Amino acid sequence: MNKPEFCPACGASNDCTLADPRTADRACWCYGVSIDPAVLEALPPELRDKSCLCPRCAQVDSQL
């Protein structure tokens, strides 16, 4: 079962504002970064487009 608040690659918290009802009206951190398509392609198809990656797995420096 997929949980939208966890990274589909490692299972850590993904800091997604959309997954938290208290902050769902704010843009997620991932809206402001570029994620290498190869990182997304490495996910199994059933895990794609279900929840955000965490900043570490997305290979970006998050400035949260």
N, C-alpha and C. Protein backbone atom coordinates (compact mmCIF):
# COMPACT_ATOMS: atom_id res chain seq x y z
N MET A 1 0.84 -1.18 0.00
CA MET A 1 0.00 0.00 0.00
C MET A 1 0.88 1.24 0.00
N ASN A 2 0.59 2.18 -0.87
CA ASN A 2 1.37 3.40 -0.98
C ASN A 2 0.82 4.46 -0.03
N LYS A 3 1.71 5.15 0.64
CA LYS A 3 1.33 6.26 1.51
C LYS A 3 1.93 7.52 0.92
N PRO A 4 1.14 8.54 0.62
CA PRO A 4 1.63 9.72 -0.10
C PRO A 4 2.66 10.54 0.66
N GLU A 5 2.77 10.37 1.96
CA GLU A 5 3.74 11.15 2.72
C GLU A 5 5.13 10.51 2.77
N PHE A 6 5.28 9.36 2.14
CA PHE A 6 6.57 8.67 2.16
C PHE A 6 7.14 8.51 0.76
N CYS A 7 8.45 8.57 0.68
CA CYS A 7 9.17 8.42 -0.58
C CYS A 7 8.98 6.99 -1.11
N PRO A 8 8.60 6.85 -2.39
CA PRO A 8 8.41 5.51 -2.94
C PRO A 8 9.73 4.76 -3.15
N ALA A 9 10.85 5.46 -3.12
CA ALA A 9 12.14 4.81 -3.34
C ALA A 9 12.75 4.27 -2.05
N CYS A 10 12.69 5.07 -0.96
CA CYS A 10 13.37 4.65 0.26
C CYS A 10 12.45 4.51 1.47
N GLY A 11 11.23 5.04 1.40
CA GLY A 11 10.30 4.94 2.50
C GLY A 11 10.41 6.03 3.55
N ALA A 12 11.35 6.96 3.37
CA ALA A 12 11.51 8.06 4.32
C ALA A 12 10.44 9.12 4.07
N SER A 13 10.26 10.02 5.01
CA SER A 13 9.33 11.13 4.82
C SER A 13 9.77 11.93 3.61
N ASN A 14 8.82 12.31 2.76
CA ASN A 14 9.18 13.04 1.55
C ASN A 14 8.95 14.55 1.67
N ASP A 15 8.48 15.00 2.83
CA ASP A 15 8.25 16.44 3.07
C ASP A 15 7.27 17.04 2.06
N CYS A 16 6.34 16.23 1.56
CA CYS A 16 5.37 16.70 0.58
C CYS A 16 4.28 17.52 1.27
N THR A 17 4.13 18.78 0.86
CA THR A 17 3.09 19.61 1.47
C THR A 17 1.70 19.17 1.03
N LEU A 18 1.59 18.57 -0.15
CA LEU A 18 0.29 18.14 -0.65
C LEU A 18 -0.24 16.91 0.09
N ALA A 19 0.65 16.12 0.67
CA ALA A 19 0.24 14.92 1.39
C ALA A 19 -0.24 15.23 2.80
N ASP A 20 0.02 16.43 3.29
CA ASP A 20 -0.38 16.83 4.64
C ASP A 20 -1.58 17.76 4.53
N PRO A 21 -2.73 17.36 5.07
CA PRO A 21 -3.93 18.20 4.96
C PRO A 21 -3.73 19.62 5.52
N ARG A 22 -2.82 19.78 6.46
CA ARG A 22 -2.58 21.11 7.05
C ARG A 22 -1.87 22.04 6.09
N THR A 23 -1.16 21.50 5.12
CA THR A 23 -0.38 22.32 4.19
C THR A 23 -0.73 22.04 2.72
N ALA A 24 -1.81 21.34 2.47
CA ALA A 24 -2.17 20.92 1.12
C ALA A 24 -2.45 22.08 0.17
N ASP A 25 -2.64 23.28 0.70
CA ASP A 25 -2.88 24.44 -0.16
C ASP A 25 -1.58 25.11 -0.62
N ARG A 26 -0.45 24.58 -0.20
CA ARG A 26 0.86 25.13 -0.59
C ARG A 26 1.50 24.25 -1.66
N ALA A 27 2.32 24.86 -2.48
CA ALA A 27 3.06 24.10 -3.50
C ALA A 27 4.12 23.23 -2.82
N CYS A 28 4.29 22.05 -3.34
CA CYS A 28 5.30 21.13 -2.81
C CYS A 28 6.70 21.63 -3.17
N TRP A 29 7.69 21.25 -2.37
CA TRP A 29 9.08 21.64 -2.63
C TRP A 29 9.52 21.17 -4.02
N CYS A 30 8.96 20.06 -4.49
CA CYS A 30 9.42 19.51 -5.77
C CYS A 30 9.00 20.36 -6.97
N TYR A 31 8.04 21.27 -6.78
CA TYR A 31 7.61 22.13 -7.88
C TYR A 31 8.72 23.08 -8.33
N GLY A 32 9.67 23.37 -7.44
CA GLY A 32 10.71 24.33 -7.74
C GLY A 32 12.06 23.73 -8.09
N VAL A 33 12.10 22.43 -8.35
CA VAL A 33 13.38 21.78 -8.67
C VAL A 33 13.23 20.95 -9.94
N SER A 34 14.35 20.62 -10.52
CA SER A 34 14.36 19.72 -11.67
C SER A 34 14.85 18.35 -11.21
N ILE A 35 14.05 17.34 -11.48
CA ILE A 35 14.42 15.97 -11.12
C ILE A 35 14.78 15.24 -12.40
N ASP A 36 15.93 14.60 -12.39
CA ASP A 36 16.40 13.86 -13.55
C ASP A 36 15.37 12.78 -13.91
N PRO A 37 14.90 12.76 -15.14
CA PRO A 37 13.92 11.75 -15.54
C PRO A 37 14.40 10.32 -15.30
N ALA A 38 15.71 10.10 -15.35
CA ALA A 38 16.26 8.75 -15.11
C ALA A 38 15.97 8.29 -13.68
N VAL A 39 15.93 9.24 -12.73
CA VAL A 39 15.62 8.89 -11.35
C VAL A 39 14.19 8.36 -11.27
N LEU A 40 13.27 9.02 -11.95
CA LEU A 40 11.87 8.58 -11.95
C LEU A 40 11.70 7.26 -12.70
N GLU A 41 12.41 7.10 -13.79
CA GLU A 41 12.33 5.87 -14.58
C GLU A 41 12.86 4.67 -13.81
N ALA A 42 13.74 4.91 -12.83
CA ALA A 42 14.31 3.82 -12.03
C ALA A 42 13.29 3.22 -11.06
N LEU A 43 12.20 3.96 -10.80
CA LEU A 43 11.16 3.44 -9.92
C LEU A 43 10.35 2.36 -10.64
N PRO A 44 9.90 1.35 -9.90
CA PRO A 44 9.01 0.38 -10.53
C PRO A 44 7.74 1.10 -11.03
N PRO A 45 7.18 0.70 -12.14
CA PRO A 45 6.01 1.40 -12.71
C PRO A 45 4.87 1.59 -11.72
N GLU A 46 4.64 0.63 -10.85
CA GLU A 46 3.51 0.73 -9.92
C GLU A 46 3.72 1.78 -8.83
N LEU A 47 4.95 2.29 -8.69
CA LEU A 47 5.23 3.32 -7.69
C LEU A 47 5.34 4.72 -8.29
N ARG A 48 5.34 4.83 -9.59
CA ARG A 48 5.47 6.14 -10.24
C ARG A 48 4.17 6.93 -10.12
N ASP A 49 4.34 8.23 -9.99
CA ASP A 49 3.21 9.17 -9.97
C ASP A 49 2.20 8.91 -8.85
N LYS A 50 2.69 8.35 -7.74
CA LYS A 50 1.81 8.09 -6.60
C LYS A 50 2.14 8.99 -5.42
N SER A 51 3.43 9.31 -5.27
CA SER A 51 3.87 10.17 -4.18
C SER A 51 5.22 10.77 -4.55
N CYS A 52 5.58 11.84 -3.84
CA CYS A 52 6.85 12.52 -4.09
C CYS A 52 8.03 11.67 -3.63
N LEU A 53 9.12 11.81 -4.34
CA LEU A 53 10.39 11.32 -3.82
C LEU A 53 10.82 12.23 -2.69
N CYS A 54 11.68 11.76 -1.83
CA CYS A 54 12.29 12.64 -0.83
C CYS A 54 13.41 13.42 -1.53
N PRO A 55 13.84 14.55 -0.97
CA PRO A 55 14.91 15.33 -1.62
C PRO A 55 16.17 14.51 -1.89
N ARG A 56 16.51 13.58 -0.98
CA ARG A 56 17.73 12.78 -1.17
C ARG A 56 17.59 11.87 -2.38
N CYS A 57 16.48 11.16 -2.48
CA CYS A 57 16.30 10.26 -3.62
C CYS A 57 16.08 11.03 -4.93
N ALA A 58 15.52 12.22 -4.84
CA ALA A 58 15.34 13.05 -6.02
C ALA A 58 16.67 13.68 -6.45
N GLN A 59 17.69 13.52 -5.62
CA GLN A 59 19.04 14.02 -5.89
C GLN A 59 19.05 15.52 -6.05
N VAL A 60 18.34 16.21 -5.12
CA VAL A 60 18.34 17.66 -5.10
C VAL A 60 18.69 18.12 -3.69
N ASP A 61 19.21 19.32 -3.61
CA ASP A 61 19.47 19.93 -2.31
C ASP A 61 18.22 20.68 -1.90
N SER A 62 17.53 20.17 -0.91
CA SER A 62 16.31 20.81 -0.46
C SER A 62 16.63 21.93 0.50
N GLN A 63 15.97 23.04 0.33
CA GLN A 63 16.15 24.20 1.21
C GLN A 63 14.87 24.42 1.98
N LEU A 64 14.48 23.41 2.76
CA LEU A 64 13.20 23.45 3.48
C LEU A 64 13.31 24.31 4.71
